[in-house]
Amino acid sequence: MYQVKGDITTYTLTRSQLYQLYVNPANAGLVHDLYIKPCSSNIIVQLAIARQLREAATEELAKSSFSGVVSEEDIFRDAENALSTLAELLSSSDWFFGQAQPSILDASIFAYTHLILDGSLQWSKNKLAEQLSQHANLSEHRSRILNRYF
């Protein structure tokens, strides 16, 4: 049961990060700096890459939607549910499932929470950080891994 919950929550977080980074126009500057600018200095090529990234993300999100419609409200409601589930699974433990050492699930969740909370990325709109701030144990989990391994 926990593996299923972990798979569903990471899938949900993937969808929300996909939306937040590639579809939300507020973060177009971040996408440009991270992915588009390094590909080409030609403005026409940059515009084409930006459109392709946004369309690919929107198409992927639509495929995973029951209705085929990309709804920001649905995506972030699901993300909040996923974060709440993860916070409940972690509870007051240092690592998921009360393990003595971090597991693959800890690493997977860190991959999401670190990007969400990484201030150097300079998100223009970071709804996921707002949601994550409601779950102190997940933020602390991210800090433990960051301090221990990086």
C-alpha atoms as a PDB file:
ATOM      1  CA  MET A   1       0.000   0.000   0.000  1.00  0.00           C
ATOM      2  CA  TYR A   2       2.793   2.462   0.830  1.00  0.00           C
ATOM      3  CA  GLN A   3       4.507   1.808  -2.497  1.00  0.00           C
ATOM      4  CA  VAL A   4       1.275   2.630  -4.316  1.00  0.00           C
ATOM      5  CA  LYS A   5       0.847   5.834  -2.314  1.00  0.00           C
ATOM      6  CA  GLY A   6       4.474   6.776  -3.032  1.00  0.00           C
ATOM      7  CA  ASP A   7       4.044   6.143  -6.742  1.00  0.00           C
ATOM      8  CA  ILE A   8       0.828   8.151  -6.909  1.00  0.00           C
ATOM      9  CA  THR A   9       2.233  11.069  -4.960  1.00  0.00           C
ATOM     10  CA  THR A  10       5.435  11.311  -7.000  1.00  0.00           C
ATOM     11  CA  TYR A  11       3.377  11.086 -10.196  1.00  0.00           C
ATOM     12  CA  THR A  12       1.161  13.908  -8.926  1.00  0.00           C
ATOM     13  CA  LEU A  13       4.175  16.030  -7.995  1.00  0.00           C
ATOM     14  CA  THR A  14       5.648  15.425 -11.436  1.00  0.00           C
ATOM     15  CA  ARG A  15       2.458  16.746 -13.023  1.00  0.00           C
ATOM     16  CA  SER A  16       2.382  19.821 -10.798  1.00  0.00           C
ATOM     17  CA  GLN A  17       6.032  20.637 -11.453  1.00  0.00           C
ATOM     18  CA  LEU A  18       5.474  20.152 -15.171  1.00  0.00           C
ATOM     19  CA  TYR A  19       2.625  22.647 -15.051  1.00  0.00           C
ATOM     20  CA  GLN A  20       4.417  25.108 -12.776  1.00  0.00           C
ATOM     21  CA  LEU A  21       7.599  25.189 -14.845  1.00  0.00           C
ATOM     22  CA  TYR A  22       6.513  24.817 -18.458  1.00  0.00           C
ATOM     23  CA  VAL A  23       2.866  25.844 -18.673  1.00  0.00           C
ATOM     24  CA  ASN A  24       2.555  28.692 -16.170  1.00  0.00           C
ATOM     25  CA  PRO A  25       3.532  31.818 -18.154  1.00  0.00           C
ATOM     26  CA  ALA A  26       4.892  33.470 -15.002  1.00  0.00           C
ATOM     27  CA  ASN A  27       7.841  31.033 -15.059  1.00  0.00           C
ATOM     28  CA  ALA A  28       8.720  31.507 -18.741  1.00  0.00           C
ATOM     29  CA  GLY A  29      11.847  33.433 -17.750  1.00  0.00           C
ATOM     30  CA  LEU A  30      13.101  30.546 -15.639  1.00  0.00           C
ATOM     31  CA  VAL A  31      12.459  28.063 -18.462  1.00  0.00           C
ATOM     32  CA  HIS A  32      14.296  30.399 -20.825  1.00  0.00           C
ATOM     33  CA  ASP A  33      17.344  30.627 -18.563  1.00  0.00           C
ATOM     34  CA  LEU A  34      17.473  26.906 -17.769  1.00  0.00           C
ATOM     35  CA  TYR A  35      16.590  25.277 -21.080  1.00  0.00           C
ATOM     36  CA  ILE A  36      16.130  27.638 -23.988  1.00  0.00           C
ATOM     37  CA  LYS A  37      19.008  30.111 -23.792  1.00  0.00           C
ATOM     38  CA  PRO A  38      21.683  27.361 -23.584  1.00  0.00           C
ATOM     39  CA  CYS A  39      20.308  25.808 -26.806  1.00  0.00           C
ATOM     40  CA  SER A  40      20.605  28.798 -29.111  1.00  0.00           C
ATOM     41  CA  SER A  41      21.217  32.527 -29.213  1.00  0.00           C
ATOM     42  CA  ASN A  42      18.891  32.889 -32.206  1.00  0.00           C
ATOM     43  CA  ILE A  43      15.596  34.457 -31.106  1.00  0.00           C
ATOM     44  CA  ILE A  44      13.574  32.546 -33.710  1.00  0.00           C
ATOM     45  CA  VAL A  45      14.995  29.237 -32.490  1.00  0.00           C
ATOM     46  CA  GLN A  46      14.413  30.268 -28.879  1.00  0.00           C
ATOM     47  CA  LEU A  47      10.773  31.100 -29.583  1.00  0.00           C
ATOM     48  CA  ALA A  48      10.293  27.759 -31.342  1.00  0.00           C
ATOM     49  CA  ILE A  49      11.863  25.828 -28.470  1.00  0.00           C
ATOM     50  CA  ALA A  50       9.738  27.707 -25.922  1.00  0.00           C
ATOM     51  CA  ARG A  51       6.564  26.889 -27.843  1.00  0.00           C
ATOM     52  CA  GLN A  52       7.559  23.242 -28.239  1.00  0.00           C
ATOM     53  CA  LEU A  53       8.302  22.860 -24.520  1.00  0.00           C
ATOM     54  CA  ARG A  54       5.013  24.474 -23.495  1.00  0.00           C
ATOM     55  CA  GLU A  55       3.017  22.408 -26.013  1.00  0.00           C
ATOM     56  CA  ALA A  56       4.714  19.154 -25.003  1.00  0.00           C
ATOM     57  CA  ALA A  57       4.022  19.815 -21.321  1.00  0.00           C
ATOM     58  CA  THR A  58       0.412  20.768 -22.002  1.00  0.00           C
ATOM     59  CA  GLU A  59      -0.078  17.661 -24.144  1.00  0.00           C
ATOM     60  CA  GLU A  60       1.405  15.419 -21.452  1.00  0.00           C
ATOM     61  CA  LEU A  61      -0.805  16.969 -18.786  1.00  0.00           C
ATOM     62  CA  ALA A  62      -3.882  16.615 -20.988  1.00  0.00           C
ATOM     63  CA  LYS A  63      -3.124  12.916 -21.566  1.00  0.00           C
ATOM     64  CA  SER A  64      -3.019  12.309 -17.835  1.00  0.00           C
ATOM     65  CA  SER A  65      -6.255  14.194 -17.180  1.00  0.00           C
ATOM     66  CA  PHE A  66      -9.573  12.359 -17.024  1.00  0.00           C
ATOM     67  CA  SER A  67     -11.252  15.071 -19.057  1.00  0.00           C
ATOM     68  CA  GLY A  68      -8.324  15.832 -21.365  1.00  0.00           C
ATOM     69  CA  VAL A  69      -8.400  19.416 -20.078  1.00  0.00           C
ATOM     70  CA  VAL A  70      -5.480  20.932 -18.206  1.00  0.00           C
ATOM     71  CA  SER A  71      -6.833  22.576 -15.060  1.00  0.00           C
ATOM     72  CA  GLU A  72      -4.445  24.488 -12.816  1.00  0.00           C
ATOM     73  CA  GLU A  73      -6.940  24.193  -9.966  1.00  0.00           C
ATOM     74  CA  ASP A  74      -7.113  20.393 -10.291  1.00  0.00           C
ATOM     75  CA  ILE A  75      -3.354  20.026 -10.632  1.00  0.00           C
ATOM     76  CA  PHE A  76      -2.587  21.998  -7.480  1.00  0.00           C
ATOM     77  CA  ARG A  77      -5.434  20.442  -5.496  1.00  0.00           C
ATOM     78  CA  ASP A  78      -3.947  17.038  -6.341  1.00  0.00           C
ATOM     79  CA  ALA A  79      -0.476  18.316  -5.424  1.00  0.00           C
ATOM     80  CA  GLU A  80      -1.727  19.473  -2.022  1.00  0.00           C
ATOM     81  CA  ASN A  81      -3.295  16.056  -1.447  1.00  0.00           C
ATOM     82  CA  ALA A  82      -0.018  14.383  -2.419  1.00  0.00           C
ATOM     83  CA  LEU A  83       1.994  16.593  -0.099  1.00  0.00           C
ATOM     84  CA  SER A  84      -0.441  15.946   2.744  1.00  0.00           C
ATOM     85  CA  THR A  85      -0.143  12.195   2.146  1.00  0.00           C
ATOM     86  CA  LEU A  86       3.642  12.391   2.154  1.00  0.00           C
ATOM     87  CA  ALA A  87       3.656  14.509   5.317  1.00  0.00           C
ATOM     88  CA  GLU A  88       1.421  11.933   6.968  1.00  0.00           C
ATOM     89  CA  LEU A  89       3.665   9.053   5.840  1.00  0.00           C
ATOM     90  CA  LEU A  90       6.788  10.807   7.112  1.00  0.00           C
ATOM     91  CA  SER A  91       5.081  11.907  10.322  1.00  0.00           C
ATOM     92  CA  SER A  92       7.736  12.782  12.918  1.00  0.00           C
ATOM     93  CA  SER A  93      10.349  10.368  11.566  1.00  0.00           C
ATOM     94  CA  ASP A  94      13.596  11.512   9.993  1.00  0.00           C
ATOM     95  CA  TRP A  95      13.128   9.133   7.055  1.00  0.00           C
ATOM     96  CA  PHE A  96      10.119   7.560   5.387  1.00  0.00           C
ATOM     97  CA  PHE A  97       8.846   4.377   7.009  1.00  0.00           C
ATOM     98  CA  GLY A  98      10.942   5.131  10.121  1.00  0.00           C
ATOM     99  CA  GLN A  99      14.056   3.659   8.519  1.00  0.00           C
ATOM    100  CA  ALA A 100      17.483   4.227  10.061  1.00  0.00           C
ATOM    101  CA  GLN A 101      18.834   5.498   6.731  1.00  0.00           C
ATOM    102  CA  PRO A 102      17.195   7.302   3.813  1.00  0.00           C
ATOM    103  CA  SER A 103      15.622   5.055   1.173  1.00  0.00           C
ATOM    104  CA  ILE A 104      14.893   5.470  -2.513  1.00  0.00           C
ATOM    105  CA  LEU A 105      11.591   7.112  -1.548  1.00  0.00           C
ATOM    106  CA  ASP A 106      13.463   9.696   0.533  1.00  0.00           C
ATOM    107  CA  ALA A 107      15.701  10.434  -2.445  1.00  0.00           C
ATOM    108  CA  SER A 108      12.719  10.670  -4.789  1.00  0.00           C
ATOM    109  CA  ILE A 109      10.838  13.062  -2.539  1.00  0.00           C
ATOM    110  CA  PHE A 110      13.988  15.145  -2.050  1.00  0.00           C
ATOM    111  CA  ALA A 111      14.263  15.491  -5.835  1.00  0.00           C
ATOM    112  CA  TYR A 112      10.903  17.258  -5.809  1.00  0.00           C
ATOM    113  CA  THR A 113      11.119  19.240  -2.586  1.00  0.00           C
ATOM    114  CA  HIS A 114      14.614  20.526  -3.305  1.00  0.00           C
ATOM    115  CA  LEU A 115      13.639  21.970  -6.678  1.00  0.00           C
ATOM    116  CA  ILE A 116      10.488  23.463  -5.193  1.00  0.00           C
ATOM    117  CA  LEU A 117      12.382  25.156  -2.364  1.00  0.00           C
ATOM    118  CA  ASP A 118      15.629  25.999  -4.175  1.00  0.00           C
ATOM    119  CA  GLY A 119      15.804  29.791  -3.954  1.00  0.00           C
ATOM    120  CA  SER A 120      18.524  30.013  -6.578  1.00  0.00           C
ATOM    121  CA  LEU A 121      16.024  29.031  -9.271  1.00  0.00           C
ATOM    122  CA  GLN A 122      14.191  32.332  -8.805  1.00  0.00           C
ATOM    123  CA  TRP A 123      10.692  31.069  -9.499  1.00  0.00           C
ATOM    124  CA  SER A 124       8.343  33.878 -10.488  1.00  0.00           C
ATOM    125  CA  LYS A 125       5.328  31.832  -9.390  1.00  0.00           C
ATOM    126  CA  ASN A 126       5.879  28.932  -7.005  1.00  0.00           C
ATOM    127  CA  LYS A 127       2.528  27.609  -5.817  1.00  0.00           C
ATOM    128  CA  LEU A 128       4.194  24.335  -4.806  1.00  0.00           C
ATOM    129  CA  ALA A 129       6.466  26.156  -2.329  1.00  0.00           C
ATOM    130  CA  GLU A 130       3.394  27.774  -0.805  1.00  0.00           C
ATOM    131  CA  GLN A 131       1.799  24.356  -0.427  1.00  0.00           C
ATOM    132  CA  LEU A 132       4.985  22.722   0.850  1.00  0.00           C
ATOM    133  CA  SER A 133       5.374  25.407   3.519  1.00  0.00           C
ATOM    134  CA  GLN A 134       2.244  23.946   5.156  1.00  0.00           C
ATOM    135  CA  HIS A 135       4.185  20.717   5.850  1.00  0.00           C
ATOM    136  CA  ALA A 136       7.182  21.563   8.025  1.00  0.00           C
ATOM    137  CA  ASN A 137       8.252  17.922   8.296  1.00  0.00           C
ATOM    138  CA  LEU A 138       8.723  17.696   4.505  1.00  0.00           C
ATOM    139  CA  SER A 139      10.789  20.891   4.444  1.00  0.00           C
ATOM    140  CA  GLU A 140      12.883  19.557   7.326  1.00  0.00           C
ATOM    141  CA  HIS A 141      13.280  16.241   5.475  1.00  0.00           C
ATOM    142  CA  ARG A 142      14.665  18.135   2.487  1.00  0.00           C
ATOM    143  CA  SER A 143      17.096  20.025   4.768  1.00  0.00           C
ATOM    144  CA  ARG A 144      18.310  16.793   6.377  1.00  0.00           C
ATOM    145  CA  ILE A 145      19.183  15.267   3.017  1.00  0.00           C
ATOM    146  CA  LEU A 146      20.716  18.500   1.713  1.00  0.00           C
ATOM    147  CA  ASN A 147      22.902  18.876   4.801  1.00  0.00           C
ATOM    148  CA  ARG A 148      23.872  15.213   4.939  1.00  0.00           C
ATOM    149  CA  TYR A 149      24.717  14.591   1.281  1.00  0.00           C
ATOM    150  CA  PHE A 150      25.371  17.937  -0.359  1.00  0.00           C
END
